[in-house]
Amino acid sequence: MERQEINPMDPQLLVDLANTKMPSGKYEGWLLCRLPEPYLVWYRQKGFPKGKLGMQLAALHEIKMNGLTHLLTPLIKK
């Protein structure tokens, strides 16, 4: 299987981040952008999962730590 390259400048990445739901765990079904900050800090200490979900959680951690969560709110699809 060929590995897909990810363009970090692709605005669709933020749209996906704002609309992806947590697939499992304590916050299963929650939008990633609504996950509590302490949960993301815990994941960072534990180690983010591999793959797309891990990259999304790591990006969300950085967004929340820098107070930029408000940038995702208008991207949430109703």
N, C-alpha and C. Protein backbone atom coordinates (compact mmCIF):
# COMPACT_ATOMS: atom_id res chain seq x y z
N MET A 1 0.85 -1.18 0.00
CA MET A 1 0.00 0.00 0.00
C MET A 1 0.89 1.24 0.00
N GLU A 2 0.58 2.17 -0.88
CA GLU A 2 1.36 3.39 -1.00
C GLU A 2 0.94 4.39 0.07
N ARG A 3 1.92 5.01 0.69
CA ARG A 3 1.65 5.99 1.73
C ARG A 3 1.28 7.33 1.10
N GLN A 4 0.19 7.92 1.56
CA GLN A 4 -0.28 9.19 1.02
C GLN A 4 0.46 10.34 1.70
N GLU A 5 0.93 11.28 0.89
CA GLU A 5 1.60 12.47 1.41
C GLU A 5 0.54 13.45 1.92
N ILE A 6 0.85 14.12 3.02
CA ILE A 6 -0.06 15.10 3.59
C ILE A 6 0.55 16.47 3.44
N ASN A 7 -0.23 17.38 2.87
CA ASN A 7 0.20 18.76 2.70
C ASN A 7 -0.29 19.55 3.92
N PRO A 8 0.62 19.97 4.81
CA PRO A 8 0.19 20.68 6.02
C PRO A 8 -0.47 22.03 5.74
N MET A 9 -0.37 22.53 4.52
CA MET A 9 -0.99 23.80 4.17
C MET A 9 -2.40 23.62 3.58
N ASP A 10 -2.87 22.39 3.50
CA ASP A 10 -4.18 22.11 2.93
C ASP A 10 -5.26 22.53 3.92
N PRO A 11 -6.11 23.51 3.57
CA PRO A 11 -7.15 23.96 4.50
C PRO A 11 -8.17 22.87 4.84
N GLN A 12 -8.28 21.85 3.99
CA GLN A 12 -9.22 20.76 4.25
C GLN A 12 -8.83 20.01 5.53
N LEU A 13 -7.55 20.05 5.90
CA LEU A 13 -7.12 19.39 7.13
C LEU A 13 -7.83 19.99 8.35
N LEU A 14 -8.00 21.30 8.37
CA LEU A 14 -8.69 21.95 9.48
C LEU A 14 -10.18 21.64 9.47
N VAL A 15 -10.76 21.57 8.29
CA VAL A 15 -12.18 21.22 8.18
C VAL A 15 -12.39 19.79 8.71
N ASP A 16 -11.51 18.89 8.31
CA ASP A 16 -11.59 17.50 8.80
C ASP A 16 -11.42 17.45 10.31
N LEU A 17 -10.47 18.22 10.82
CA LEU A 17 -10.21 18.24 12.26
C LEU A 17 -11.44 18.74 13.03
N ALA A 18 -12.12 19.72 12.48
CA ALA A 18 -13.30 20.29 13.14
C ALA A 18 -14.50 19.35 13.11
N ASN A 19 -14.51 18.38 12.19
CA ASN A 19 -15.70 17.55 11.99
C ASN A 19 -15.49 16.06 12.23
N THR A 20 -14.30 15.66 12.63
CA THR A 20 -14.03 14.25 12.91
C THR A 20 -14.44 13.93 14.34
N LYS A 21 -15.07 12.78 14.51
CA LYS A 21 -15.47 12.34 15.85
C LYS A 21 -14.46 11.35 16.41
N MET A 22 -14.31 11.39 17.72
CA MET A 22 -13.43 10.46 18.42
C MET A 22 -14.01 9.05 18.24
N PRO A 23 -13.21 8.12 17.71
CA PRO A 23 -13.76 6.80 17.38
C PRO A 23 -13.94 5.86 18.57
N SER A 24 -13.26 6.12 19.67
CA SER A 24 -13.35 5.19 20.81
C SER A 24 -12.90 5.88 22.09
N GLY A 25 -13.04 5.17 23.18
CA GLY A 25 -12.57 5.68 24.46
C GLY A 25 -13.61 6.47 25.22
N LYS A 26 -13.13 7.15 26.23
CA LYS A 26 -13.99 7.91 27.13
C LYS A 26 -14.85 8.95 26.41
N TYR A 27 -14.31 9.53 25.36
CA TYR A 27 -15.01 10.59 24.63
C TYR A 27 -15.47 10.12 23.25
N GLU A 28 -15.78 8.86 23.12
CA GLU A 28 -16.26 8.30 21.85
C GLU A 28 -17.48 9.10 21.35
N GLY A 29 -17.43 9.48 20.07
CA GLY A 29 -18.53 10.22 19.47
C GLY A 29 -18.40 11.73 19.58
N TRP A 30 -17.49 12.22 20.39
CA TRP A 30 -17.29 13.67 20.52
C TRP A 30 -16.51 14.17 19.31
N LEU A 31 -16.80 15.40 18.86
CA LEU A 31 -15.96 16.03 17.86
C LEU A 31 -14.58 16.24 18.47
N LEU A 32 -13.55 15.98 17.69
CA LEU A 32 -12.19 16.14 18.22
C LEU A 32 -11.96 17.55 18.76
N CYS A 33 -12.50 18.54 18.06
CA CYS A 33 -12.27 19.94 18.49
C CYS A 33 -12.96 20.27 19.80
N ARG A 34 -13.84 19.40 20.27
CA ARG A 34 -14.54 19.62 21.55
C ARG A 34 -13.91 18.82 22.70
N LEU A 35 -12.87 18.05 22.40
CA LEU A 35 -12.23 17.27 23.46
C LEU A 35 -11.62 18.22 24.50
N PRO A 36 -11.72 17.88 25.78
CA PRO A 36 -11.14 18.73 26.82
C PRO A 36 -9.60 18.77 26.71
N GLU A 37 -9.06 19.92 26.99
CA GLU A 37 -7.61 20.11 26.93
C GLU A 37 -6.84 19.12 27.81
N PRO A 38 -7.29 18.85 29.05
CA PRO A 38 -6.54 17.88 29.87
C PRO A 38 -6.46 16.48 29.24
N TYR A 39 -7.47 16.11 28.47
CA TYR A 39 -7.45 14.82 27.78
C TYR A 39 -6.36 14.80 26.70
N LEU A 40 -6.20 15.92 26.00
CA LEU A 40 -5.16 16.01 24.98
C LEU A 40 -3.77 16.03 25.62
N VAL A 41 -3.65 16.68 26.76
CA VAL A 41 -2.37 16.70 27.48
C VAL A 41 -2.03 15.28 27.93
N TRP A 42 -3.02 14.56 28.43
CA TRP A 42 -2.82 13.17 28.85
C TRP A 42 -2.34 12.33 27.66
N TYR A 43 -2.99 12.50 26.51
CA TYR A 43 -2.61 11.76 25.31
C TYR A 43 -1.18 12.09 24.90
N ARG A 44 -0.81 13.36 25.01
CA ARG A 44 0.55 13.76 24.63
C ARG A 44 1.57 13.07 25.53
N GLN A 45 1.29 13.00 26.82
CA GLN A 45 2.20 12.34 27.75
C GLN A 45 2.26 10.83 27.50
N LYS A 46 1.12 10.25 27.18
CA LYS A 46 1.02 8.81 26.92
C LYS A 46 1.62 8.45 25.57
N GLY A 47 1.45 9.36 24.61
CA GLY A 47 1.86 9.13 23.23
C GLY A 47 0.62 9.07 22.35
N PHE A 48 0.58 9.93 21.35
CA PHE A 48 -0.55 9.93 20.44
C PHE A 48 -0.56 8.64 19.63
N PRO A 49 -1.74 8.16 19.25
CA PRO A 49 -1.80 6.95 18.43
C PRO A 49 -1.17 7.20 17.06
N LYS A 50 -0.81 6.14 16.40
CA LYS A 50 -0.23 6.25 15.06
C LYS A 50 -1.34 6.55 14.05
N GLY A 51 -0.95 7.06 12.92
CA GLY A 51 -1.89 7.29 11.83
C GLY A 51 -2.54 8.66 11.88
N LYS A 52 -3.61 8.78 11.10
CA LYS A 52 -4.30 10.07 10.92
C LYS A 52 -4.86 10.60 12.24
N LEU A 53 -5.47 9.72 13.06
CA LEU A 53 -6.03 10.17 14.32
C LEU A 53 -4.95 10.77 15.22
N GLY A 54 -3.81 10.13 15.29
CA GLY A 54 -2.72 10.65 16.10
C GLY A 54 -2.24 12.01 15.63
N MET A 55 -2.15 12.18 14.30
CA MET A 55 -1.75 13.47 13.75
C MET A 55 -2.79 14.53 14.07
N GLN A 56 -4.08 14.15 13.99
CA GLN A 56 -5.14 15.11 14.30
C GLN A 56 -5.11 15.50 15.77
N LEU A 57 -4.93 14.54 16.65
CA LEU A 57 -4.88 14.84 18.09
C LEU A 57 -3.67 15.71 18.43
N ALA A 58 -2.54 15.44 17.80
CA ALA A 58 -1.34 16.25 18.05
C ALA A 58 -1.56 17.68 17.56
N ALA A 59 -2.16 17.82 16.39
CA ALA A 59 -2.44 19.16 15.85
C ALA A 59 -3.43 19.90 16.75
N LEU A 60 -4.45 19.19 17.20
CA LEU A 60 -5.44 19.80 18.08
C LEU A 60 -4.81 20.23 19.41
N HIS A 61 -3.90 19.42 19.92
CA HIS A 61 -3.19 19.78 21.15
C HIS A 61 -2.48 21.12 20.96
N GLU A 62 -1.77 21.27 19.84
CA GLU A 62 -1.05 22.52 19.57
C GLU A 62 -2.02 23.69 19.42
N ILE A 63 -3.13 23.45 18.73
CA ILE A 63 -4.13 24.50 18.54
C ILE A 63 -4.68 24.97 19.88
N LYS A 64 -5.03 24.02 20.74
CA LYS A 64 -5.60 24.38 22.05
C LYS A 64 -4.55 25.03 22.95
N MET A 65 -3.33 24.54 22.93
CA MET A 65 -2.29 25.10 23.79
C MET A 65 -1.96 26.54 23.40
N ASN A 66 -2.21 26.89 22.15
CA ASN A 66 -1.92 28.24 21.67
C ASN A 66 -3.16 29.13 21.62
N GLY A 67 -4.27 28.64 22.20
CA GLY A 67 -5.49 29.44 22.29
C GLY A 67 -6.15 29.74 20.96
N LEU A 68 -6.05 28.79 20.01
CA LEU A 68 -6.58 29.03 18.67
C LEU A 68 -7.82 28.19 18.35
N THR A 69 -8.46 27.64 19.35
CA THR A 69 -9.63 26.79 19.14
C THR A 69 -10.74 27.53 18.40
N HIS A 70 -10.84 28.82 18.61
CA HIS A 70 -11.88 29.61 17.95
C HIS A 70 -11.79 29.56 16.43
N LEU A 71 -10.62 29.21 15.90
CA LEU A 71 -10.47 29.10 14.44
C LEU A 71 -11.22 27.90 13.87
N LEU A 72 -11.45 26.88 14.69
CA LEU A 72 -12.13 25.67 14.22
C LEU A 72 -13.65 25.80 14.29
N THR A 73 -14.15 26.61 15.20
CA THR A 73 -15.60 26.70 15.43
C THR A 73 -16.40 27.00 14.15
N PRO A 74 -15.99 27.96 13.30
CA PRO A 74 -16.79 28.22 12.11
C PRO A 74 -16.72 27.09 11.07
N LEU A 75 -15.81 26.16 11.24
CA LEU A 75 -15.65 25.07 10.28
C LEU A 75 -16.51 23.85 10.59
N ILE A 76 -17.15 23.86 11.76
CA ILE A 76 -17.99 22.73 12.16
C ILE A 76 -19.25 22.72 11.31
N LYS A 77 -19.50 21.58 10.68
CA LYS A 77 -20.70 21.42 9.85
C LYS A 77 -21.88 21.09 10.74
N LYS A 78 -22.97 21.77 10.54
CA LYS A 78 -24.15 21.58 11.37
C LYS A 78 -24.97 20.41 10.88
